[in-house]
Structures are given as C-alpha cells and as structure tokens.
C-alpha cells in the first residue's frame, strides 16, 4: 500500500497514482464500446462514464492495497 508519493520534495496523496490507471482503463473501455457500436445502448452516457471511472478507481485502490 502506498503511504505517500514524493515528487520534488512534495508529498502527494496515493490517488495521484490511482487516477491515471483508472482514467486509462475508462478510456480503453470507452474506446471498445464505441468500436463495437454499443455506446448507443447506454441511456445516460456521461453518468455511465463517471460511474465506470469510479468503479475502476475503487478497483485500483483495492488491488494495490491487497498487494
């Protein structure tokens, strides 16, 4: 589990590592949905993408804490 990330003498939250991971996974899922033409079946696209990002963020935090 990450305690703190130090960059240039400044301490940052471990979320600074988790956010890009969740963002990349969300972008890949979004790309796959558009590629398969499944994005038309989603009722509220913005809400779906935000909730997908939150789920991937929770998954990243859970997986890195269990390591």
N, C-alpha and C. Protein backbone atom coordinates (compact mmCIF):
# COMPACT_ATOMS: atom_id res chain seq x y z
N UNK A 1 0.84 -1.18 0.00
CA UNK A 1 0.00 0.00 0.00
C UNK A 1 0.88 1.24 0.00
N UNK A 2 0.52 2.18 -0.84
CA UNK A 2 1.27 3.43 -0.90
C UNK A 2 0.89 4.31 0.28
N UNK A 3 1.88 4.88 0.93
CA UNK A 3 1.62 5.82 2.02
C UNK A 3 1.54 7.23 1.48
N UNK A 4 2.56 7.63 0.73
CA UNK A 4 2.59 8.95 0.11
C UNK A 4 3.55 8.89 -1.07
N UNK A 5 3.29 9.72 -2.05
CA UNK A 5 4.15 9.81 -3.22
C UNK A 5 4.92 11.11 -3.11
N UNK A 6 6.23 11.04 -3.17
CA UNK A 6 7.06 12.23 -3.03
C UNK A 6 7.62 12.60 -4.39
N UNK A 7 7.30 13.81 -4.82
CA UNK A 7 7.79 14.35 -6.10
C UNK A 7 8.40 15.72 -5.84
N UNK A 8 9.69 15.83 -6.03
CA UNK A 8 10.36 17.11 -5.84
C UNK A 8 10.27 17.64 -4.42
N UNK A 9 10.24 16.76 -3.46
CA UNK A 9 10.18 17.18 -2.07
C UNK A 9 8.77 17.43 -1.56
N UNK A 10 7.77 17.29 -2.42
CA UNK A 10 6.38 17.48 -2.02
C UNK A 10 5.70 16.14 -1.87
N UNK A 11 4.92 15.99 -0.85
CA UNK A 11 4.18 14.75 -0.65
C UNK A 11 2.78 14.88 -1.25
N UNK A 12 2.41 13.87 -2.03
CA UNK A 12 1.10 13.83 -2.65
C UNK A 12 0.36 12.59 -2.18
N UNK A 13 -0.93 12.64 -2.32
CA UNK A 13 -1.78 11.51 -1.98
C UNK A 13 -1.49 10.34 -2.92
N UNK A 14 -1.69 9.12 -2.46
CA UNK A 14 -1.51 7.96 -3.35
C UNK A 14 -2.50 7.97 -4.53
N UNK A 15 -3.56 8.75 -4.43
CA UNK A 15 -4.50 8.83 -5.55
C UNK A 15 -3.86 9.39 -6.80
N UNK A 16 -2.74 10.08 -6.66
CA UNK A 16 -2.02 10.60 -7.82
C UNK A 16 -1.55 9.46 -8.72
N UNK A 17 -1.39 8.27 -8.15
CA UNK A 17 -1.01 7.09 -8.92
C UNK A 17 -2.25 6.36 -9.43
N UNK A 18 -3.30 6.33 -8.63
CA UNK A 18 -4.50 5.58 -8.98
C UNK A 18 -5.32 6.26 -10.07
N UNK A 19 -5.37 7.59 -10.10
CA UNK A 19 -6.19 8.30 -11.07
C UNK A 19 -5.80 8.00 -12.52
N UNK A 20 -4.52 8.05 -12.89
CA UNK A 20 -4.19 7.73 -14.29
C UNK A 20 -4.53 6.29 -14.68
N UNK A 21 -4.38 5.36 -13.74
CA UNK A 21 -4.73 3.97 -14.03
C UNK A 21 -6.21 3.86 -14.32
N UNK A 22 -7.04 4.47 -13.47
CA UNK A 22 -8.49 4.44 -13.68
C UNK A 22 -8.88 5.16 -14.96
N UNK A 23 -8.21 6.26 -15.26
CA UNK A 23 -8.52 7.01 -16.47
C UNK A 23 -8.20 6.22 -17.72
N UNK A 24 -7.05 5.54 -17.73
CA UNK A 24 -6.67 4.73 -18.90
C UNK A 24 -7.63 3.57 -19.09
N UNK A 25 -8.02 2.91 -18.01
CA UNK A 25 -8.98 1.81 -18.12
C UNK A 25 -10.34 2.30 -18.62
N UNK A 26 -10.76 3.46 -18.15
CA UNK A 26 -12.02 4.04 -18.60
C UNK A 26 -11.95 4.40 -20.08
N UNK A 27 -10.83 4.98 -20.50
CA UNK A 27 -10.67 5.35 -21.91
C UNK A 27 -10.66 4.11 -22.80
N UNK A 28 -10.01 3.05 -22.35
CA UNK A 28 -9.99 1.82 -23.14
C UNK A 28 -11.38 1.19 -23.24
N UNK A 29 -12.12 1.22 -22.14
CA UNK A 29 -13.49 0.69 -22.17
C UNK A 29 -14.37 1.54 -23.07
N UNK A 30 -14.22 2.84 -22.99
CA UNK A 30 -15.00 3.74 -23.85
C UNK A 30 -14.67 3.50 -25.32
N UNK A 31 -13.40 3.34 -25.62
CA UNK A 31 -12.98 3.07 -27.00
C UNK A 31 -13.58 1.75 -27.48
N UNK A 32 -13.56 0.73 -26.64
CA UNK A 32 -14.12 -0.57 -27.02
C UNK A 32 -15.62 -0.46 -27.26
N UNK A 33 -16.32 0.29 -26.42
CA UNK A 33 -17.77 0.46 -26.60
C UNK A 33 -18.09 1.18 -27.90
N UNK A 34 -17.30 2.20 -28.23
CA UNK A 34 -17.52 2.91 -29.49
C UNK A 34 -17.15 2.05 -30.69
N UNK A 35 -16.12 1.27 -30.53
CA UNK A 35 -15.68 0.40 -31.63
C UNK A 35 -16.71 -0.68 -31.94
N UNK A 36 -17.35 -1.19 -30.90
CA UNK A 36 -18.36 -2.24 -31.07
C UNK A 36 -19.76 -1.68 -31.31
N UNK A 37 -19.90 -0.36 -31.36
CA UNK A 37 -21.18 0.34 -31.54
C UNK A 37 -22.17 0.01 -30.44
N UNK A 38 -21.69 -0.16 -29.23
CA UNK A 38 -22.56 -0.41 -28.08
C UNK A 38 -22.86 0.87 -27.32
N UNK A 39 -22.19 1.97 -27.66
CA UNK A 39 -22.40 3.22 -26.93
C UNK A 39 -23.80 3.77 -27.14
N UNK A 40 -24.48 3.38 -28.20
CA UNK A 40 -25.85 3.85 -28.45
C UNK A 40 -26.85 3.22 -27.49
N UNK A 41 -26.52 2.12 -26.89
CA UNK A 41 -27.42 1.41 -25.98
C UNK A 41 -27.39 1.97 -24.56
N UNK A 42 -26.46 2.86 -24.28
CA UNK A 42 -26.32 3.43 -22.94
C UNK A 42 -27.25 4.63 -22.84
N UNK A 43 -28.05 4.66 -21.78
CA UNK A 43 -29.07 5.68 -21.65
C UNK A 43 -28.46 7.05 -21.33
N UNK A 44 -27.69 7.15 -20.27
CA UNK A 44 -27.01 8.39 -19.88
C UNK A 44 -25.51 8.14 -19.97
N UNK A 45 -24.91 8.55 -21.06
CA UNK A 45 -23.51 8.23 -21.34
C UNK A 45 -22.58 8.88 -20.31
N UNK A 46 -22.81 10.14 -19.98
CA UNK A 46 -21.93 10.84 -19.03
C UNK A 46 -21.96 10.18 -17.66
N UNK A 47 -23.14 9.81 -17.19
CA UNK A 47 -23.24 9.15 -15.90
C UNK A 47 -22.58 7.79 -15.92
N UNK A 48 -22.72 7.09 -17.02
CA UNK A 48 -22.08 5.78 -17.16
C UNK A 48 -20.56 5.91 -17.12
N UNK A 49 -20.02 6.89 -17.82
CA UNK A 49 -18.57 7.05 -17.85
C UNK A 49 -18.01 7.46 -16.50
N UNK A 50 -18.71 8.32 -15.79
CA UNK A 50 -18.25 8.72 -14.46
C UNK A 50 -18.31 7.53 -13.50
N UNK A 51 -19.40 6.78 -13.56
CA UNK A 51 -19.51 5.63 -12.67
C UNK A 51 -18.49 4.56 -13.02
N UNK A 52 -18.18 4.41 -14.30
CA UNK A 52 -17.15 3.47 -14.72
C UNK A 52 -15.78 3.88 -14.18
N UNK A 53 -15.50 5.19 -14.24
CA UNK A 53 -14.25 5.71 -13.70
C UNK A 53 -14.15 5.45 -12.19
N UNK A 54 -15.25 5.68 -11.47
CA UNK A 54 -15.25 5.46 -10.02
C UNK A 54 -15.05 3.98 -9.70
N UNK A 55 -15.68 3.11 -10.49
CA UNK A 55 -15.50 1.67 -10.26
C UNK A 55 -14.07 1.24 -10.53
N UNK A 56 -13.47 1.74 -11.61
CA UNK A 56 -12.07 1.41 -11.90
C UNK A 56 -11.14 1.99 -10.84
N UNK A 57 -11.45 3.17 -10.34
CA UNK A 57 -10.63 3.76 -9.29
C UNK A 57 -10.70 2.91 -8.02
N UNK A 58 -11.90 2.48 -7.66
CA UNK A 58 -12.05 1.62 -6.48
C UNK A 58 -11.32 0.30 -6.68
N UNK A 59 -11.37 -0.25 -7.89
CA UNK A 59 -10.67 -1.50 -8.17
C UNK A 59 -9.16 -1.32 -8.06
N UNK A 60 -8.63 -0.21 -8.57
CA UNK A 60 -7.19 0.05 -8.48
C UNK A 60 -6.75 0.20 -7.03
N UNK A 61 -7.52 0.93 -6.24
CA UNK A 61 -7.19 1.10 -4.82
C UNK A 61 -7.23 -0.24 -4.11
N UNK A 62 -8.26 -1.03 -4.37
CA UNK A 62 -8.40 -2.33 -3.71
C UNK A 62 -7.25 -3.26 -4.09
N UNK A 63 -6.91 -3.31 -5.37
CA UNK A 63 -5.84 -4.23 -5.81
C UNK A 63 -4.48 -3.81 -5.27
N UNK A 64 -4.19 -2.51 -5.23
CA UNK A 64 -2.90 -2.08 -4.74
C UNK A 64 -2.79 -2.17 -3.22
N UNK A 65 -3.91 -2.10 -2.52
CA UNK A 65 -3.85 -2.26 -1.07
C UNK A 65 -3.68 -3.71 -0.68
N UNK A 66 -4.16 -4.61 -1.49
CA UNK A 66 -4.05 -6.03 -1.15
C UNK A 66 -2.69 -6.61 -1.50
N UNK A 67 -1.89 -5.87 -2.26
CA UNK A 67 -0.54 -6.37 -2.65
C UNK A 67 0.43 -6.21 -1.54
